[in-house]
Amino acid sequence: MKILFDGYIYNVQKEGGISRYFTNIIERLPDDCQPTVLVKKQNDRNYPKHQNINIIDSMPYRHGPYRLSNKVNRILRRNEISGKAYDIAHPTYYELSIETPISNYSCPVVVTVYDLIHEIYPKWLDQHGYHAQHVSDALQRADAIICISNATRLELIKYYPFVEKKCNVIHLAGTLSLPSKIDHNQISDPYILYVGGRASYKNFARLLKAYSYVKEQWKDLKLYIVGPQFNDTEYGYLDSEAVSDSIIHMGNVNDNTLASLYYSATAFVYPSLYEGFGIPPLEAMSCGGLVLASNTSSIPEVVGEAAILFDPKSIDNMVETILSLKDMSDATRAHYIQKGKERALMFSWERTAEHTLDIYRQIASCGTR
């Protein structure tokens, strides 16, 4: 089976959730598959590996004025999605590397929907509706749609009712496991851990407010943060809440350090208002961490009964949930950690890839449109 992946996401993400998703699928395709990935080649990117893979540069001509080179590249590579005999096309995002509509594909198309943030929080991410239009165009063209959770599927059908009959749910998975040697980072104080980006819907500001209240009753509790550097607004929050001395920003860390942080934390806290899936709680559980998580969107679907849930819009509830850790018995803690390990085993990239391949085979058998 010849599968074309438009690698737009590899152009715009050095490392991220969507690029990891496609890398995990492509690298697990069987030997009778021939994946082609169309990307703007960059030396600092980690592209998928497969014995039959073909990485094609979507911008091989890089001479002269940008408008001219862009036009030449579009002509040179347009036949990659319209003229060659691919069995399936699976674009990595709703936009394409060669700036041509998804409707130009001449083979069946699979589209993955990761979340509906642009619809639910347009004022934060899509004020002018440009992204929503790209999504709508891709959904119209798709022969099959993959949603990464049941919650995402329900939200998608709510906003785009016409997609219901071609929606399939295929869960994601985590990639972390606890290393044989734990790096305790010489941490002596108890700490809660936050991991990831801090866009508005991630609800970091409320967590910070809740933490400032928790500190009044739990003086030695620290807040460790893994992710990008603070911006000016966040520094302002830190100063206003007078907790900056108790917050340790780790920056971006390697997988072994992250796994050790999950394991050693008093708890990993996931306060997001909305997620299409939510991989960090799975990572924490697979590493033997205790998870406190929002009771919204896809998060309960992912964590099941293996995490302690709270209302992410209620600072009081967040404070209460974090403080409950202080007097938690060893037996209760062990119960949640064991449940978490069992829950994490229910998700695997092998299963994700296998079910995705089933979708490919199903719509490829129907031929071109």
Protein backbone atom coordinates (compact mmCIF):
# COMPACT_ATOMS: atom_id res chain seq x y z
CA MET A 1 0.00 0.00 0.00
CA LYS A 2 1.36 3.39 -1.04
CA ILE A 3 0.51 6.06 1.53
CA LEU A 4 1.16 9.78 1.11
CA PHE A 5 1.64 11.86 4.25
CA ASP A 6 1.73 15.59 3.70
CA GLY A 7 4.19 16.54 6.43
CA TYR A 8 3.06 20.11 7.12
CA ILE A 9 3.27 19.52 10.87
CA TYR A 10 6.97 18.62 10.61
CA ASN A 11 7.54 22.00 8.98
CA VAL A 12 6.02 23.97 11.84
CA GLN A 13 6.78 21.73 14.86
CA LYS A 14 10.32 20.78 15.81
CA GLU A 15 8.84 18.40 18.33
CA GLY A 16 5.23 18.15 19.41
CA GLY A 17 2.24 15.95 19.98
CA ILE A 18 1.02 15.78 16.38
CA SER A 19 4.44 15.06 14.89
CA ARG A 20 4.95 12.32 17.50
CA TYR A 21 1.56 10.88 16.60
CA PHE A 22 2.45 10.52 12.92
CA THR A 23 5.98 9.30 13.62
CA ASN A 24 4.61 6.55 15.86
CA ILE A 25 2.10 5.48 13.19
CA ILE A 26 4.52 5.58 10.25
CA GLU A 27 7.27 3.70 12.06
CA ARG A 28 4.82 0.90 12.92
CA LEU A 29 3.45 0.37 9.41
CA PRO A 30 4.08 -3.17 8.11
CA ASP A 31 6.75 -3.89 5.53
CA ASP A 32 4.24 -4.09 2.68
CA CYS A 33 3.48 -0.36 3.11
CA GLN A 34 5.39 2.36 1.27
CA PRO A 35 5.04 5.67 3.14
CA THR A 36 5.96 8.91 1.39
CA VAL A 37 6.32 12.04 3.52
CA LEU A 38 6.23 15.41 1.78
CA VAL A 39 8.09 18.03 3.85
CA LYS A 40 10.12 21.17 3.63
CA LYS A 41 13.37 19.47 4.60
CA GLN A 42 15.12 20.96 7.63
CA ASN A 43 18.26 19.62 9.31
CA ASP A 44 16.96 20.04 12.86
CA ARG A 45 13.89 17.82 12.37
CA ASN A 46 13.51 14.17 13.33
CA TYR A 47 11.58 12.56 10.50
CA PRO A 48 9.95 9.13 10.74
CA LYS A 49 11.94 6.02 9.91
CA HIS A 50 10.68 3.03 7.92
CA GLN A 51 12.49 0.63 5.63
CA ASN A 52 10.38 1.74 2.63
CA ILE A 53 10.02 5.43 3.48
CA ASN A 54 10.49 8.15 0.92
CA ILE A 55 11.07 11.67 2.31
CA ILE A 56 10.38 14.20 -0.46
CA ASP A 57 11.40 17.85 -0.22
CA SER A 58 8.34 19.99 -0.97
CA MET A 59 10.60 22.96 -1.68
CA PRO A 60 13.57 21.62 -3.69
CA TYR A 61 13.92 24.86 -5.64
CA ARG A 62 15.19 27.59 -3.30
CA HIS A 63 16.71 30.14 -5.62
CA GLY A 64 15.66 33.61 -6.66
CA PRO A 65 12.76 35.66 -5.28
CA TYR A 66 10.46 33.88 -2.85
CA ARG A 67 7.35 34.32 -5.01
CA LEU A 68 9.08 32.75 -8.01
CA SER A 69 10.63 29.84 -6.07
CA ASN A 70 7.34 29.19 -4.31
CA LYS A 71 5.49 29.03 -7.62
CA VAL A 72 8.09 26.68 -9.12
CA ASN A 73 7.94 24.38 -6.09
CA ARG A 74 4.17 24.23 -6.22
CA ILE A 75 4.33 23.16 -9.86
CA LEU A 76 7.13 20.65 -9.23
CA ARG A 77 5.34 18.92 -6.36
CA ARG A 78 1.67 19.26 -7.21
CA ASN A 79 1.65 15.90 -8.93
CA GLU A 80 2.69 14.28 -5.64
CA ILE A 81 -0.92 14.65 -4.51
CA SER A 82 -2.75 14.60 -7.82
CA GLY A 83 -0.82 12.61 -10.40
CA LYS A 84 0.90 9.67 -8.73
CA ALA A 85 -0.83 6.42 -7.86
CA TYR A 86 -1.12 6.58 -4.09
CA ASP A 87 -3.62 4.31 -2.39
CA ILE A 88 -4.22 6.64 0.56
CA ALA A 89 -3.38 10.19 1.59
CA HIS A 90 -3.22 11.18 5.25
CA PRO A 91 -2.30 14.86 5.70
CA THR A 92 -0.71 15.63 9.06
CA TYR A 93 -2.75 18.81 9.38
CA TYR A 94 -5.64 20.64 7.77
CA GLU A 95 -3.24 22.73 5.69
CA LEU A 96 -0.74 21.28 3.21
CA SER A 97 2.99 21.75 2.64
CA ILE A 98 2.56 22.81 -0.96
CA GLU A 99 -0.25 25.30 -0.36
CA THR A 100 -2.80 23.52 -2.48
CA PRO A 101 -6.29 22.45 -1.40
CA ILE A 102 -6.87 19.03 0.13
CA SER A 103 -9.60 18.63 -2.49
CA ASN A 104 -6.82 18.18 -5.09
CA TYR A 105 -5.99 14.70 -3.83
CA SER A 106 -6.91 12.07 -6.41
CA CYS A 107 -6.89 9.18 -3.91
CA PRO A 108 -8.97 8.50 -0.80
CA VAL A 109 -8.15 10.81 2.13
CA VAL A 110 -7.97 10.21 5.88
CA VAL A 111 -8.09 13.24 8.18
CA THR A 112 -7.30 13.18 11.89
CA VAL A 113 -9.11 15.59 14.21
CA TYR A 114 -7.14 16.34 17.36
CA ASP A 115 -9.46 18.74 19.16
CA LEU A 116 -12.08 21.45 18.65
CA ILE A 117 -10.27 24.23 20.49
CA HIS A 118 -10.72 26.61 17.56
CA GLU A 119 -14.49 26.21 17.84
CA ILE A 120 -14.80 26.14 21.62
CA TYR A 121 -12.34 28.98 22.32
CA PRO A 122 -12.22 31.01 19.09
CA LYS A 123 -11.30 34.25 20.87
CA TRP A 124 -8.04 32.65 21.96
CA LEU A 125 -7.03 30.75 18.84
CA ASP A 126 -9.12 31.58 15.77
CA GLN A 127 -10.70 35.02 16.03
CA HIS A 128 -11.12 35.43 12.28
CA GLY A 129 -12.25 31.88 11.52
CA TYR A 130 -9.40 31.04 9.13
CA HIS A 131 -8.54 27.78 10.89
CA ALA A 132 -12.20 26.76 11.08
CA GLN A 133 -12.44 27.14 7.30
CA HIS A 134 -9.38 24.92 6.75
CA VAL A 135 -10.91 22.32 9.07
CA SER A 136 -14.28 22.45 7.32
CA ASP A 137 -12.66 22.03 3.88
CA ALA A 138 -10.62 19.05 5.08
CA LEU A 139 -13.64 17.37 6.68
CA GLN A 140 -15.70 17.82 3.51
CA ARG A 141 -12.99 16.14 1.43
CA ALA A 142 -12.18 13.31 3.86
CA ASP A 143 -13.29 9.78 3.07
CA ALA A 144 -12.63 8.78 6.69
CA ILE A 145 -12.07 10.82 9.83
CA ILE A 146 -10.10 9.72 12.87
CA CYS A 147 -10.91 11.33 16.22
CA ILE A 148 -8.41 10.79 19.02
CA SER A 149 -11.12 10.38 21.69
CA ASN A 150 -14.85 9.83 22.01
CA ALA A 151 -15.12 13.29 23.54
CA THR A 152 -13.51 14.79 20.43
CA ARG A 153 -15.88 12.82 18.20
CA LEU A 154 -18.93 14.14 20.03
CA GLU A 155 -17.66 17.72 19.85
CA LEU A 156 -16.86 17.31 16.14
CA ILE A 157 -20.35 16.05 15.32
CA LYS A 158 -21.83 18.93 17.33
CA TYR A 159 -20.08 21.52 15.17
CA TYR A 160 -19.96 19.55 11.89
CA PRO A 161 -22.99 17.19 11.84
CA PHE A 162 -22.28 15.97 8.30
CA VAL A 163 -19.21 14.00 9.46
CA GLU A 164 -20.99 11.53 11.76
CA LYS A 165 -21.05 8.53 9.40
CA LYS A 166 -17.35 8.72 8.58
CA CYS A 167 -15.98 9.28 12.13
CA ASN A 168 -13.79 6.68 13.84
CA VAL A 169 -12.26 6.87 17.33
CA ILE A 170 -8.65 5.75 17.73
CA HIS A 171 -6.97 6.63 21.00
CA LEU A 172 -3.41 7.85 21.32
CA ALA A 173 -0.79 6.52 23.73
CA GLY A 174 2.10 7.66 25.87
CA THR A 175 5.75 7.21 25.03
CA LEU A 176 7.39 7.42 28.47
CA SER A 177 8.27 4.63 30.84
CA LEU A 178 10.19 4.68 34.08
CA PRO A 179 13.96 4.26 33.54
CA SER A 180 15.84 1.59 35.44
CA LYS A 181 17.76 4.31 37.29
CA ILE A 182 15.65 7.05 38.85
CA ASP A 183 17.06 10.57 38.71
CA HIS A 184 15.74 12.13 41.92
CA ASN A 185 17.29 15.48 41.03
CA GLN A 186 18.26 15.91 44.70
CA ILE A 187 14.72 17.07 45.46
CA SER A 188 14.02 16.92 49.17
CA ASP A 189 10.80 18.93 49.50
CA PRO A 190 7.40 17.64 48.38
CA TYR A 191 6.29 19.05 45.05
CA ILE A 192 3.46 19.05 42.56
CA LEU A 193 4.38 18.91 38.89
CA TYR A 194 3.02 20.77 35.86
CA VAL A 195 4.10 19.69 32.36
CA GLY A 196 3.49 21.24 28.94
CA GLY A 197 2.42 24.45 27.25
CA ARG A 198 0.52 27.18 29.07
CA ALA A 199 -1.92 28.55 26.50
CA SER A 200 -5.05 30.09 28.01
CA TYR A 201 -7.14 26.90 27.83
CA LYS A 202 -4.39 25.06 29.75
CA ASN A 203 -5.64 26.92 32.83
CA PHE A 204 -2.20 27.59 34.30
CA ALA A 205 -3.27 30.92 35.84
CA ARG A 206 -5.91 29.20 37.98
CA LEU A 207 -3.42 26.56 39.06
CA LEU A 208 -1.03 29.31 40.12
CA LYS A 209 -3.77 31.03 42.13
CA ALA A 210 -4.75 27.71 43.74
CA TYR A 211 -1.12 26.99 44.58
CA SER A 212 -0.76 30.36 46.32
CA TYR A 213 -3.64 29.39 48.63
CA VAL A 214 -2.28 25.89 49.19
CA LYS A 215 1.05 27.38 50.27
CA GLU A 216 -0.64 29.08 53.20
CA GLN A 217 -1.31 25.65 54.72
CA TRP A 218 1.52 23.60 53.18
CA LYS A 219 4.60 25.76 53.49
CA ASP A 220 7.21 23.40 52.05
CA LEU A 221 5.23 22.27 48.98
CA LYS A 222 6.98 23.30 45.78
CA LEU A 223 5.60 23.65 42.24
CA TYR A 224 7.85 22.22 39.53
CA ILE A 225 7.18 23.25 35.94
CA VAL A 226 8.40 21.56 32.76
CA GLY A 227 7.85 23.51 29.55
CA PRO A 228 8.68 26.78 27.79
CA GLN A 229 10.08 29.80 29.59
CA PHE A 230 7.69 32.19 31.35
CA ASN A 231 6.43 35.19 29.41
CA ASP A 232 6.02 38.69 30.87
CA THR A 233 2.38 38.08 31.82
CA GLU A 234 3.31 34.93 33.73
CA TYR A 235 6.13 36.69 35.54
CA GLY A 236 3.51 39.23 36.58
CA TYR A 237 1.32 36.44 37.98
CA LEU A 238 4.27 35.05 39.92
CA ASP A 239 5.02 38.40 41.48
CA SER A 240 1.39 39.16 42.31
CA GLU A 241 0.88 35.79 44.02
CA ALA A 242 4.19 36.02 45.89
CA VAL A 243 5.09 32.40 45.18
CA SER A 244 8.04 32.81 42.84
CA ASP A 245 10.51 31.52 45.45
CA SER A 246 8.60 28.23 45.64
CA ILE A 247 8.36 27.60 41.90
CA ILE A 248 11.11 25.73 40.12
CA HIS A 249 11.09 26.06 36.34
CA MET A 250 12.90 23.11 34.77
CA GLY A 251 12.60 24.24 31.15
CA ASN A 252 12.41 21.46 28.57
CA VAL A 253 13.93 18.25 29.92
CA ASN A 254 14.88 14.89 28.42
CA ASP A 255 12.62 11.86 28.74
CA ASN A 256 14.55 10.23 31.59
CA THR A 257 14.43 13.39 33.69
CA LEU A 258 10.73 13.87 32.95
CA ALA A 259 9.95 10.26 33.90
CA SER A 260 11.84 10.73 37.16
CA LEU A 261 9.96 13.96 37.90
CA TYR A 262 6.63 12.19 37.36
CA TYR A 263 7.70 9.35 39.64
CA SER A 264 9.05 11.50 42.47
CA ALA A 265 6.29 14.12 42.52
CA THR A 266 3.74 14.25 45.30
CA ALA A 267 1.35 14.51 42.35
CA PHE A 268 1.20 15.51 38.73
CA VAL A 269 -1.50 18.18 38.24
CA TYR A 270 -3.33 18.53 34.90
CA PRO A 271 -5.68 21.56 35.18
CA SER A 272 -6.56 21.98 31.48
CA LEU A 273 -10.02 23.29 30.57
CA TYR A 274 -10.07 21.25 27.37
CA GLU A 275 -8.07 18.48 25.70
CA GLY A 276 -8.67 16.42 22.60
CA PHE A 277 -6.94 13.53 24.36
CA GLY A 278 -4.28 14.39 26.96
CA ILE A 279 -1.06 12.37 26.87
CA PRO A 280 0.73 13.78 29.99
CA PRO A 281 -1.60 12.03 32.50
CA LEU A 282 -0.87 8.72 30.75
CA GLU A 283 2.85 9.44 30.91
CA ALA A 284 2.63 10.22 34.62
CA MET A 285 0.66 7.06 35.35
CA SER A 286 3.01 4.84 33.36
CA CYS A 287 5.92 6.26 35.40
CA GLY A 288 4.27 5.47 38.72
CA GLY A 289 3.03 8.99 39.43
CA LEU A 290 -0.14 10.05 41.21
CA VAL A 291 -2.41 12.14 38.94
CA LEU A 292 -4.78 15.01 39.77
CA ALA A 293 -6.71 16.00 36.65
CA SER A 294 -9.59 18.08 35.31
CA ASN A 295 -13.00 16.45 35.05
CA THR A 296 -13.64 17.95 31.59
CA SER A 297 -13.57 17.01 27.88
CA SER A 298 -11.57 13.85 27.09
CA ILE A 299 -9.58 13.72 30.31
CA PRO A 300 -11.92 11.42 32.32
CA GLU A 301 -12.06 9.14 29.27
CA VAL A 302 -8.28 8.81 29.32
CA VAL A 303 -7.62 8.47 33.06
CA GLY A 304 -10.70 6.46 34.03
CA GLU A 305 -10.78 5.79 37.77
CA ALA A 306 -7.00 5.98 38.06
CA ALA A 307 -6.81 9.72 38.82
CA ILE A 308 -8.34 12.15 41.30
CA LEU A 309 -10.54 14.56 39.35
CA PHE A 310 -11.40 18.18 40.12
CA ASP A 311 -13.39 21.04 38.59
CA PRO A 312 -10.79 23.12 36.68
CA LYS A 313 -12.96 26.25 36.85
CA SER A 314 -13.13 26.12 40.66
CA ILE A 315 -10.02 27.38 42.43
CA ASP A 316 -11.52 26.23 45.74
CA ASN A 317 -11.96 22.68 44.43
CA MET A 318 -8.42 22.70 43.06
CA VAL A 319 -7.05 23.85 46.42
CA GLU A 320 -9.06 21.20 48.27
CA THR A 321 -7.84 18.45 45.94
CA ILE A 322 -4.17 19.41 46.25
CA LEU A 323 -4.41 19.74 50.04
CA SER A 324 -5.96 16.26 50.24
CA LEU A 325 -2.52 14.92 49.33
CA LYS A 326 -1.03 16.16 52.58
CA ASP A 327 -2.86 13.64 54.76
CA MET A 328 -3.38 10.91 52.16
CA SER A 329 -2.63 7.45 53.52
CA ASP A 330 0.08 5.31 51.95
CA ALA A 331 -2.56 2.71 51.06
CA THR A 332 -4.72 5.22 49.19
CA ARG A 333 -1.72 6.58 47.34
CA ALA A 334 -0.57 3.09 46.38
CA HIS A 335 -4.08 2.28 45.18
CA TYR A 336 -4.17 5.19 42.73
CA ILE A 337 -0.62 4.56 41.52
CA GLN A 338 -1.37 0.90 40.79
CA LYS A 339 -4.62 1.82 39.05
CA GLY A 340 -2.66 4.33 36.98
CA LYS A 341 -0.10 1.76 35.84
CA GLU A 342 -2.90 -0.59 34.82
CA ARG A 343 -4.74 2.20 33.00
CA ALA A 344 -1.65 3.27 31.05
CA LEU A 345 -1.23 -0.29 29.74
CA MET A 346 -4.61 0.00 28.00
CA PHE A 347 -3.13 2.47 25.50
CA SER A 348 -0.31 1.63 23.09
CA TRP A 349 1.07 3.05 19.85
CA GLU A 350 1.01 -0.46 18.39
CA ARG A 351 -2.76 -0.54 18.85
CA THR A 352 -3.10 3.00 17.48
CA ALA A 353 -1.11 2.11 14.36
CA GLU A 354 -2.97 -1.16 13.85
CA HIS A 355 -6.40 0.50 13.98
CA THR A 356 -5.22 3.33 11.72
CA LEU A 357 -4.01 0.79 9.16
CA ASP A 358 -7.45 -0.84 9.30
CA ILE A 359 -8.97 2.51 8.26
CA TYR A 360 -6.45 2.84 5.42
CA ARG A 361 -7.29 -0.61 4.08
CA GLN A 362 -11.01 -0.05 4.43
CA ILE A 363 -11.14 3.13 2.35
CA ALA A 364 -8.36 2.13 -0.05
CA SER A 365 -10.50 -0.82 -1.13
CA CYS A 366 -13.10 1.69 -2.30
CA GLY A 367 -10.63 3.22 -4.78
CA THR A 368 -10.35 6.84 -5.90
CA ARG A 369 -13.22 9.28 -5.66
